[in-house]
C-alpha atoms as a PDB file:
ATOM      1  CA  MET A   1     -84.507 -12.082   7.187  1.00  0.00           C
ATOM      2  CA  ILE A   2     -86.168  -8.672   6.871  1.00  0.00           C
ATOM      3  CA  PHE A   3     -83.270  -7.500   4.712  1.00  0.00           C
ATOM      4  CA  ILE A   4     -84.001 -10.309   2.252  1.00  0.00           C
ATOM      5  CA  VAL A   5     -87.797 -10.479   2.508  1.00  0.00           C
ATOM      6  CA  ARG A   6     -88.567  -6.754   2.662  1.00  0.00           C
ATOM      7  CA  PRO A   7     -85.665  -4.837   1.047  1.00  0.00           C
ATOM      8  CA  ARG A   8     -87.879  -1.767   0.592  1.00  0.00           C
ATOM      9  CA  PHE A   9     -87.936  -1.309   4.387  1.00  0.00           C
ATOM     10  CA  VAL A  10     -84.134  -1.053   4.309  1.00  0.00           C
ATOM     11  CA  ASP A  11     -84.123   1.184   1.266  1.00  0.00           C
ATOM     12  CA  ALA A  12     -86.599   3.544   2.952  1.00  0.00           C
ATOM     13  CA  ALA A  13     -84.571   3.722   6.169  1.00  0.00           C
ATOM     14  CA  PHE A  14     -81.105   4.199   4.620  1.00  0.00           C
ATOM     15  CA  ASP A  15     -79.924   6.220   1.635  1.00  0.00           C
ATOM     16  CA  THR A  16     -76.835   4.129   0.884  1.00  0.00           C
ATOM     17  CA  TRP A  17     -75.765   0.502   1.305  1.00  0.00           C
ATOM     18  CA  PHE A  18     -72.853   1.456   3.585  1.00  0.00           C
ATOM     19  CA  TRP A  19     -74.755   2.043   6.861  1.00  0.00           C
ATOM     20  CA  PRO A  20     -76.908  -1.109   6.734  1.00  0.00           C
ATOM     21  CA  ILE A  21     -73.841  -3.265   6.124  1.00  0.00           C
ATOM     22  CA  LEU A  22     -72.025  -1.707   9.069  1.00  0.00           C
ATOM     23  CA  GLY A  23     -75.155  -2.108  11.167  1.00  0.00           C
ATOM     24  CA  ILE A  24     -75.519  -5.778  10.312  1.00  0.00           C
ATOM     25  CA  LEU A  25     -71.876  -6.399  11.167  1.00  0.00           C
ATOM     26  CA  PHE A  26     -71.614  -4.494  14.442  1.00  0.00           C
ATOM     27  CA  LEU A  27     -75.116  -3.780  15.830  1.00  0.00           C
ATOM     28  CA  PRO A  28     -77.517  -6.145  14.084  1.00  0.00           C
ATOM     29  CA  PHE A  29     -80.408  -5.996  16.545  1.00  0.00           C
ATOM     30  CA  ALA A  30     -80.271  -2.160  16.747  1.00  0.00           C
ATOM     31  CA  THR A  31     -80.202  -1.954  12.937  1.00  0.00           C
ATOM     32  CA  LEU A  32     -83.183  -4.269  12.714  1.00  0.00           C
ATOM     33  CA  MET A  33     -85.139  -2.171  15.240  1.00  0.00           C
ATOM     34  CA  TYR A  34     -84.242   1.007  13.336  1.00  0.00           C
ATOM     35  CA  VAL A  35     -85.512  -0.496  10.064  1.00  0.00           C
ATOM     36  CA  LEU A  36     -88.714  -1.745  11.660  1.00  0.00           C
ATOM     37  CA  PHE A  37     -89.541   1.530  13.428  1.00  0.00           C
ATOM     38  CA  TYR A  38     -88.531   3.887  10.594  1.00  0.00           C
ATOM     39  CA  THR A  39     -91.382   5.846   9.051  1.00  0.00           C
ATOM     40  CA  PRO A  40     -90.652   7.379   5.623  1.00  0.00           C
ATOM     41  CA  GLY A  41     -90.766  11.152   5.697  1.00  0.00           C
ATOM     42  CA  VAL A  42     -90.830  11.241   9.493  1.00  0.00           C
ATOM     43  CA  GLY A  43     -87.929   9.057  10.670  1.00  0.00           C
ATOM     44  CA  LEU A  44     -87.854   7.927  14.302  1.00  0.00           C
ATOM     45  CA  VAL A  45     -89.482   9.920  17.046  1.00  0.00           C
ATOM     46  CA  GLY A  46     -89.947   9.599  20.795  1.00  0.00           C
ATOM     47  CA  TRP A  47     -90.072   6.085  22.185  1.00  0.00           C
ATOM     48  CA  GLU A  48     -88.860   4.609  18.925  1.00  0.00           C
ATOM     49  CA  TRP A  49     -85.368   5.922  19.708  1.00  0.00           C
ATOM     50  CA  PHE A  50     -85.654   4.370  23.179  1.00  0.00           C
ATOM     51  CA  TRP A  51     -86.186   0.901  21.681  1.00  0.00           C
ATOM     52  CA  VAL A  52     -83.301   1.350  19.244  1.00  0.00           C
ATOM     53  CA  ALA A  53     -81.066   2.357  22.180  1.00  0.00           C
ATOM     54  CA  ILE A  54     -82.164  -0.699  24.188  1.00  0.00           C
ATOM     55  CA  ALA A  55     -81.392  -2.899  21.167  1.00  0.00           C
ATOM     56  CA  ALA A  56     -77.964  -1.280  20.842  1.00  0.00           C
ATOM     57  CA  ALA A  57     -77.296  -1.917  24.547  1.00  0.00           C
ATOM     58  CA  ILE A  58     -78.219  -5.585  24.054  1.00  0.00           C
ATOM     59  CA  ASP A  59     -75.878  -5.782  21.054  1.00  0.00           C
ATOM     60  CA  ILE A  60     -73.001  -4.210  22.994  1.00  0.00           C
ATOM     61  CA  ALA A  61     -73.654  -6.479  25.998  1.00  0.00           C
ATOM     62  CA  HIS A  62     -73.538  -9.498  23.711  1.00  0.00           C
ATOM     63  CA  ILE A  63     -70.244  -8.355  22.190  1.00  0.00           C
ATOM     64  CA  GLY A  64     -68.778  -7.809  25.656  1.00  0.00           C
ATOM     65  CA  ALA A  65     -69.981 -11.179  26.974  1.00  0.00           C
ATOM     66  CA  SER A  66     -68.611 -13.072  23.984  1.00  0.00           C
ATOM     67  CA  ALA A  67     -65.273 -11.262  24.261  1.00  0.00           C
ATOM     68  CA  LYS A  68     -65.072 -12.109  27.954  1.00  0.00           C
ATOM     69  CA  TYR A  69     -65.820 -15.746  27.200  1.00  0.00           C
ATOM     70  CA  ARG A  70     -63.195 -15.901  24.478  1.00  0.00           C
ATOM     71  CA  LEU A  71     -60.553 -14.394  26.740  1.00  0.00           C
ATOM     72  CA  GLY A  72     -61.070 -17.122  29.301  1.00  0.00           C
ATOM     73  CA  ARG A  73     -63.208 -15.246  31.831  1.00  0.00           C
END
């Protein structure tokens, strides 16, 4: 929803449309965290990267769990 409601957040965090689309497709929660924590002119610093990494780990765990389920455990 943030990509629809607040497109300026996404525009500030990314220079092109390519990376947000890939992020939404493959690591949606990590992309959302990146957009929320991004500060224009500064970027992400310190603990902000930690939360993006945790979100990426959750995304990857979800992909792995769904793949395991689809393959029949």
